[in-house]
C-alpha cells in the first residue's frame, strides 16, 4: 500500500549512523522496519506500516541530546524496551517518567535518542 500523501505530514527521516549496516539491522530487529537500497545506493528504510521512510546518513553527529524528539509508536513499550536492549540499544529514560503517558526513551547503536510511545487502551 502506498503511504498517505497529505500536506503537513512528516514523511522522511534521516538518521545519523556511524555503522550503517548496524543501524539498519537494529531498527529492523526492534521495529520491523524494512531495509532497502535507494537508487543512489544509500541504505534506506520504510517504517512498519509504510507511512514514513528515511535513510541512514553518515558524517553527522548523533542526536544524543534531544532537541526535536521523535517517538516511535509501539504496541507495548515494555516489549519494545526488551527488543531495544536485545538489539544492542540502551534505555535512557524508563517507563513512568511521563506518566500518565506510557513512554520511554532509548539510545540506538550510533547514540541517537528516540522515544517509545504506547497508545493507552
N, C-alpha and C. Protein backbone atom coordinates (compact mmCIF):
# COMPACT_ATOMS: atom_id res chain seq x y z
N UNK A 1 0.84 -1.17 0.00
CA UNK A 1 0.00 0.00 0.00
C UNK A 1 0.89 1.24 0.00
N UNK A 2 0.52 2.24 -0.77
CA UNK A 2 1.27 3.49 -0.83
C UNK A 2 1.01 4.31 0.42
N UNK A 3 2.02 5.11 0.83
CA UNK A 3 1.81 5.95 2.01
C UNK A 3 0.78 7.04 1.75
N UNK A 4 0.21 7.54 2.83
CA UNK A 4 -0.73 8.65 2.75
C UNK A 4 0.03 9.90 2.29
N UNK A 5 -0.52 10.58 1.30
CA UNK A 5 0.05 11.83 0.82
C UNK A 5 -0.83 12.95 1.37
N UNK A 6 -0.26 13.80 2.21
CA UNK A 6 -1.05 14.87 2.82
C UNK A 6 -0.16 16.04 3.20
N UNK A 7 -0.66 17.23 3.00
CA UNK A 7 0.05 18.44 3.37
C UNK A 7 0.32 18.44 4.88
N UNK A 8 1.57 18.67 5.26
CA UNK A 8 1.94 18.76 6.67
C UNK A 8 2.37 17.46 7.30
N UNK A 9 2.25 16.34 6.60
CA UNK A 9 2.62 15.03 7.15
C UNK A 9 4.15 14.90 7.23
N UNK A 10 4.65 14.37 8.32
CA UNK A 10 6.07 14.02 8.39
C UNK A 10 6.24 12.75 7.57
N UNK A 11 7.15 12.80 6.60
CA UNK A 11 7.24 11.70 5.65
C UNK A 11 8.62 11.07 5.54
N UNK A 12 9.67 11.77 5.95
CA UNK A 12 11.02 11.28 5.70
C UNK A 12 11.91 11.66 6.87
N UNK A 13 12.73 10.73 7.32
CA UNK A 13 13.60 10.94 8.46
C UNK A 13 15.01 10.49 8.09
N UNK A 14 16.01 11.33 8.35
CA UNK A 14 17.40 10.93 8.16
C UNK A 14 17.99 10.66 9.54
N UNK A 15 18.52 9.45 9.71
CA UNK A 15 19.06 9.02 11.00
C UNK A 15 20.58 8.94 10.89
N UNK A 16 21.31 9.75 11.68
CA UNK A 16 22.77 9.64 11.66
C UNK A 16 23.22 8.24 12.08
N UNK A 17 24.22 7.72 11.38
CA UNK A 17 24.74 6.39 11.67
C UNK A 17 26.25 6.38 11.52
N UNK A 18 26.93 5.73 12.46
CA UNK A 18 28.37 5.55 12.34
C UNK A 18 28.68 4.24 11.63
N UNK A 19 27.78 3.28 11.72
CA UNK A 19 27.88 1.97 11.06
C UNK A 19 26.50 1.70 10.46
N UNK A 20 26.34 2.04 9.19
CA UNK A 20 25.02 1.97 8.54
C UNK A 20 24.41 0.58 8.62
N UNK A 21 25.14 -0.49 8.27
CA UNK A 21 24.51 -1.82 8.38
C UNK A 21 24.06 -2.15 9.80
N UNK A 22 24.82 -1.74 10.80
CA UNK A 22 24.45 -1.99 12.20
C UNK A 22 23.18 -1.23 12.56
N UNK A 23 23.09 0.03 12.17
CA UNK A 23 21.88 0.81 12.45
C UNK A 23 20.67 0.22 11.73
N UNK A 24 20.84 -0.14 10.47
CA UNK A 24 19.73 -0.73 9.71
C UNK A 24 19.24 -2.01 10.36
N UNK A 25 20.16 -2.85 10.81
CA UNK A 25 19.77 -4.11 11.48
C UNK A 25 19.08 -3.83 12.80
N UNK A 26 19.55 -2.85 13.56
CA UNK A 26 18.94 -2.50 14.84
C UNK A 26 17.47 -2.14 14.65
N UNK A 27 17.17 -1.21 13.75
CA UNK A 27 15.79 -0.77 13.54
C UNK A 27 14.92 -1.86 12.92
N UNK A 28 15.53 -2.71 12.12
CA UNK A 28 14.78 -3.85 11.58
C UNK A 28 14.41 -4.82 12.69
N UNK A 29 15.35 -5.13 13.56
CA UNK A 29 15.10 -6.06 14.67
C UNK A 29 14.08 -5.50 15.66
N UNK A 30 14.22 -4.24 16.02
CA UNK A 30 13.38 -3.67 17.08
C UNK A 30 11.98 -3.35 16.58
N UNK A 31 11.86 -2.75 15.39
CA UNK A 31 10.57 -2.26 14.92
C UNK A 31 10.07 -2.93 13.64
N UNK A 32 10.88 -3.79 13.04
CA UNK A 32 10.47 -4.42 11.79
C UNK A 32 10.56 -3.51 10.58
N UNK A 33 11.34 -2.42 10.69
CA UNK A 33 11.49 -1.51 9.56
C UNK A 33 12.18 -2.25 8.42
N UNK A 34 11.63 -2.14 7.23
CA UNK A 34 12.21 -2.77 6.05
C UNK A 34 13.42 -1.97 5.58
N UNK A 35 14.48 -2.68 5.23
CA UNK A 35 15.70 -2.07 4.74
C UNK A 35 15.72 -2.21 3.23
N UNK A 36 16.12 -1.15 2.55
CA UNK A 36 16.23 -1.20 1.09
C UNK A 36 17.33 -0.26 0.63
N UNK A 37 17.75 -0.42 -0.60
CA UNK A 37 18.73 0.47 -1.21
C UNK A 37 18.00 1.47 -2.08
N UNK A 38 18.33 2.75 -1.93
CA UNK A 38 17.79 3.78 -2.81
C UNK A 38 18.50 3.71 -4.15
N UNK A 39 17.98 4.44 -5.11
CA UNK A 39 18.57 4.48 -6.44
C UNK A 39 20.02 4.95 -6.43
N UNK A 40 20.38 5.80 -5.45
CA UNK A 40 21.76 6.29 -5.37
C UNK A 40 22.65 5.37 -4.54
N UNK A 41 22.12 4.22 -4.09
CA UNK A 41 22.90 3.25 -3.33
C UNK A 41 22.85 3.42 -1.83
N UNK A 42 22.25 4.50 -1.35
CA UNK A 42 22.16 4.72 0.10
C UNK A 42 21.23 3.69 0.73
N UNK A 43 21.51 3.33 1.98
CA UNK A 43 20.65 2.42 2.72
C UNK A 43 19.48 3.21 3.28
N UNK A 44 18.29 2.77 2.92
CA UNK A 44 17.06 3.46 3.33
C UNK A 44 16.18 2.50 4.11
N UNK A 45 15.09 3.04 4.66
CA UNK A 45 14.14 2.21 5.40
C UNK A 45 12.73 2.68 5.16
N UNK A 46 11.79 1.79 5.42
CA UNK A 46 10.36 2.10 5.44
C UNK A 46 9.85 1.60 6.78
N UNK A 47 9.05 2.42 7.46
CA UNK A 47 8.54 2.01 8.76
C UNK A 47 7.62 0.80 8.64
N UNK A 48 7.18 0.28 9.76
CA UNK A 48 6.40 -0.95 9.80
C UNK A 48 5.05 -0.89 9.13
N UNK A 49 4.54 0.31 8.85
CA UNK A 49 3.23 0.40 8.20
C UNK A 49 3.28 1.13 6.87
N UNK A 50 4.49 1.41 6.38
CA UNK A 50 4.64 2.03 5.07
C UNK A 50 4.23 3.49 4.99
N UNK A 51 4.26 4.19 6.10
CA UNK A 51 3.86 5.60 6.10
C UNK A 51 5.04 6.57 6.14
N UNK A 52 6.15 6.16 6.73
CA UNK A 52 7.33 7.03 6.84
C UNK A 52 8.53 6.26 6.30
N UNK A 53 9.34 6.96 5.53
CA UNK A 53 10.58 6.36 5.05
C UNK A 53 11.73 7.25 5.46
N UNK A 54 12.92 6.80 5.17
CA UNK A 54 14.08 7.60 5.52
C UNK A 54 15.35 6.90 5.10
N UNK A 55 16.46 7.42 5.57
CA UNK A 55 17.76 6.85 5.23
C UNK A 55 18.70 7.02 6.41
N UNK A 56 19.71 6.18 6.43
CA UNK A 56 20.78 6.29 7.41
C UNK A 56 21.87 7.11 6.76
N UNK A 57 22.35 8.15 7.46
CA UNK A 57 23.33 9.06 6.89
C UNK A 57 24.59 9.10 7.75
N UNK A 58 25.72 9.21 7.08
CA UNK A 58 26.99 9.32 7.78
C UNK A 58 27.46 10.77 7.74
N UNK A 59 28.46 11.06 8.54
CA UNK A 59 29.03 12.40 8.55
C UNK A 59 28.25 13.41 9.38
N UNK A 60 27.29 12.95 10.14
CA UNK A 60 26.54 13.83 11.05
C UNK A 60 26.67 13.28 12.46
N UNK A 61 26.74 14.17 13.44
CA UNK A 61 26.79 13.66 14.81
C UNK A 61 25.43 13.07 15.19
N UNK A 62 25.43 12.09 16.11
CA UNK A 62 24.16 11.54 16.56
C UNK A 62 23.36 12.59 17.32
N UNK A 63 22.05 12.40 17.34
CA UNK A 63 21.17 13.28 18.10
C UNK A 63 21.08 12.73 19.53
N UNK A 64 22.17 12.90 20.29
CA UNK A 64 22.23 12.31 21.62
C UNK A 64 21.56 13.16 22.68
N UNK A 65 21.43 14.46 22.44
CA UNK A 65 20.70 15.35 23.34
C UNK A 65 19.49 15.83 22.55
N UNK A 66 18.30 15.35 22.89
CA UNK A 66 17.13 15.70 22.09
C UNK A 66 16.85 17.20 22.08
N UNK A 67 16.61 17.68 20.87
CA UNK A 67 16.01 18.99 20.66
C UNK A 67 14.60 18.64 20.21
N UNK A 68 14.49 18.29 18.95
CA UNK A 68 13.26 17.67 18.46
C UNK A 68 13.38 16.20 18.82
N UNK A 69 12.37 15.65 19.47
CA UNK A 69 12.41 14.25 19.87
C UNK A 69 11.34 13.48 19.12
N UNK A 70 11.76 12.48 18.38
CA UNK A 70 10.85 11.64 17.60
C UNK A 70 10.48 10.42 18.43
N UNK A 71 9.17 10.13 18.51
CA UNK A 71 8.67 8.95 19.21
C UNK A 71 8.20 7.93 18.20
N UNK A 72 8.51 6.66 18.46
CA UNK A 72 8.04 5.55 17.63
C UNK A 72 6.88 4.91 18.38
N UNK A 73 5.73 4.79 17.72
CA UNK A 73 4.57 4.15 18.34
C UNK A 73 4.77 2.64 18.34
N UNK A 74 4.51 2.03 19.48
CA UNK A 74 4.65 0.58 19.64
C UNK A 74 3.41 0.02 20.34
N UNK A 75 3.18 -1.27 20.17
CA UNK A 75 2.07 -1.92 20.86
C UNK A 75 2.31 -1.98 22.36
N UNK A 76 3.58 -2.17 22.75
CA UNK A 76 3.94 -2.29 24.16
C UNK A 76 5.31 -1.67 24.38
N UNK A 77 5.37 -0.62 25.19
CA UNK A 77 6.66 -0.02 25.49
C UNK A 77 7.55 -1.02 26.23
N UNK A 78 6.97 -1.80 27.14
CA UNK A 78 7.77 -2.79 27.89
C UNK A 78 8.43 -3.79 26.94
N UNK A 79 7.67 -4.30 25.96
CA UNK A 79 8.24 -5.25 25.00
C UNK A 79 9.27 -4.56 24.11
N UNK A 80 9.02 -3.31 23.73
CA UNK A 80 9.97 -2.58 22.89
C UNK A 80 11.28 -2.34 23.63
N UNK A 81 11.20 -2.07 24.93
CA UNK A 81 12.41 -1.90 25.73
C UNK A 81 13.25 -3.17 25.68
N UNK A 82 12.61 -4.31 25.85
CA UNK A 82 13.33 -5.59 25.78
C UNK A 82 13.99 -5.76 24.41
N UNK A 83 13.27 -5.41 23.34
CA UNK A 83 13.82 -5.54 21.99
C UNK A 83 14.99 -4.58 21.77
N UNK A 84 14.88 -3.35 22.28
CA UNK A 84 15.96 -2.38 22.15
C UNK A 84 17.22 -2.90 22.81
N UNK A 85 17.11 -3.38 24.02
CA UNK A 85 18.27 -3.89 24.76
C UNK A 85 18.85 -5.13 24.07
N UNK A 86 17.98 -6.04 23.63
CA UNK A 86 18.45 -7.26 22.95
C UNK A 86 19.18 -6.94 21.65
N UNK A 87 18.80 -5.84 21.00
CA UNK A 87 19.43 -5.48 19.72
C UNK A 87 20.65 -4.58 19.90
N UNK A 88 21.01 -4.28 21.15
CA UNK A 88 22.22 -3.50 21.40
C UNK A 88 22.01 -2.04 21.72
N UNK A 89 20.76 -1.63 21.92
CA UNK A 89 20.48 -0.26 22.32
C UNK A 89 20.50 -0.12 23.82
N UNK A 90 20.27 1.10 24.28
CA UNK A 90 20.32 1.38 25.72
C UNK A 90 19.09 2.22 26.09
N UNK A 91 18.48 1.90 27.22
CA UNK A 91 17.35 2.68 27.71
C UNK A 91 17.90 3.88 28.47
N UNK A 92 17.47 5.08 28.09
CA UNK A 92 17.96 6.30 28.75
C UNK A 92 16.87 6.99 29.57
N UNK A 93 15.62 6.57 29.39
CA UNK A 93 14.52 7.05 30.25
C UNK A 93 13.53 5.90 30.38
N UNK A 94 13.32 5.40 31.58
CA UNK A 94 12.42 4.26 31.76
C UNK A 94 10.95 4.66 31.64
N UNK A 95 10.11 3.65 31.58
CA UNK A 95 8.66 3.87 31.62
C UNK A 95 8.31 4.58 32.93
N UNK A 96 7.34 5.48 32.87
CA UNK A 96 6.83 6.11 34.08
C UNK A 96 7.18 7.57 34.25
N UNK A 97 8.25 8.01 33.60
CA UNK A 97 8.68 9.40 33.78
C UNK A 97 7.64 10.38 33.24
N UNK A 98 6.97 10.03 32.16
CA UNK A 98 5.97 10.91 31.55
C UNK A 98 4.54 10.53 31.91
N UNK A 99 4.36 9.76 32.99
CA UNK A 99 3.02 9.30 33.38
C UNK A 99 2.06 10.47 33.46
N UNK A 100 0.84 10.30 33.03
CA UNK A 100 0.18 9.04 32.72
C UNK A 100 0.46 8.50 31.31
N UNK A 101 1.21 9.25 30.48
CA UNK A 101 1.57 8.71 29.17
C UNK A 101 2.49 7.51 29.36
N UNK A 102 2.41 6.55 28.45
CA UNK A 102 3.26 5.36 28.52
C UNK A 102 4.37 5.56 27.50
N UNK A 103 5.53 5.99 28.00
CA UNK A 103 6.67 6.30 27.15
C UNK A 103 7.95 5.79 27.78
N UNK A 104 9.00 5.79 26.97
CA UNK A 104 10.36 5.56 27.42
C UNK A 104 11.24 6.17 26.34
N UNK A 105 12.53 6.27 26.60
CA UNK A 105 13.47 6.76 25.59
C UNK A 105 14.63 5.79 25.51
N UNK A 106 15.16 5.66 24.30
CA UNK A 106 16.30 4.76 24.09
C UNK A 106 17.36 5.44 23.26
N UNK A 107 18.56 4.89 23.34
CA UNK A 107 19.68 5.32 22.52
C UNK A 107 20.01 4.18 21.57
N UNK A 108 20.10 4.47 20.28
CA UNK A 108 20.43 3.43 19.30
C UNK A 108 21.94 3.21 19.27
N UNK A 109 22.43 2.25 18.49
CA UNK A 109 23.87 1.96 18.49
C UNK A 109 24.76 3.13 18.08
N UNK A 110 24.23 4.11 17.34
CA UNK A 110 25.03 5.27 16.95
C UNK A 110 24.98 6.39 17.98
N UNK A 111 24.09 6.28 18.97
CA UNK A 111 23.98 7.29 20.01
C UNK A 111 22.80 8.23 19.86
N UNK A 112 21.93 7.99 18.87
CA UNK A 112 20.73 8.81 18.70
C UNK A 112 19.69 8.45 19.75
N UNK A 113 19.00 9.44 20.29
CA UNK A 113 17.95 9.21 21.27
C UNK A 113 16.59 9.38 20.60
N UNK A 114 15.75 8.37 20.77
CA UNK A 114 14.38 8.37 20.28
C UNK A 114 13.47 7.98 21.43
N UNK A 115 12.19 8.32 21.30
CA UNK A 115 11.20 7.94 22.28
C UNK A 115 10.37 6.75 21.81
N UNK A 116 9.80 6.06 22.77
CA UNK A 116 8.82 4.99 22.52
C UNK A 116 7.50 5.47 23.09
N UNK A 117 6.41 5.23 22.36
CA UNK A 117 5.10 5.67 22.82
C UNK A 117 4.10 4.54 22.64
N UNK A 118 3.34 4.26 23.68
CA UNK A 118 2.28 3.26 23.63
C UNK A 118 0.94 3.96 23.76
N UNK A 119 0.05 3.73 22.80
CA UNK A 119 -1.28 4.32 22.85
C UNK A 119 -2.05 3.67 24.00
N UNK A 120 -2.61 4.47 24.91
CA UNK A 120 -3.35 3.86 26.03
C UNK A 120 -4.59 3.15 25.52
N UNK A 121 -4.91 2.02 26.13
CA UNK A 121 -6.08 1.26 25.68
C UNK A 121 -7.30 1.67 26.46
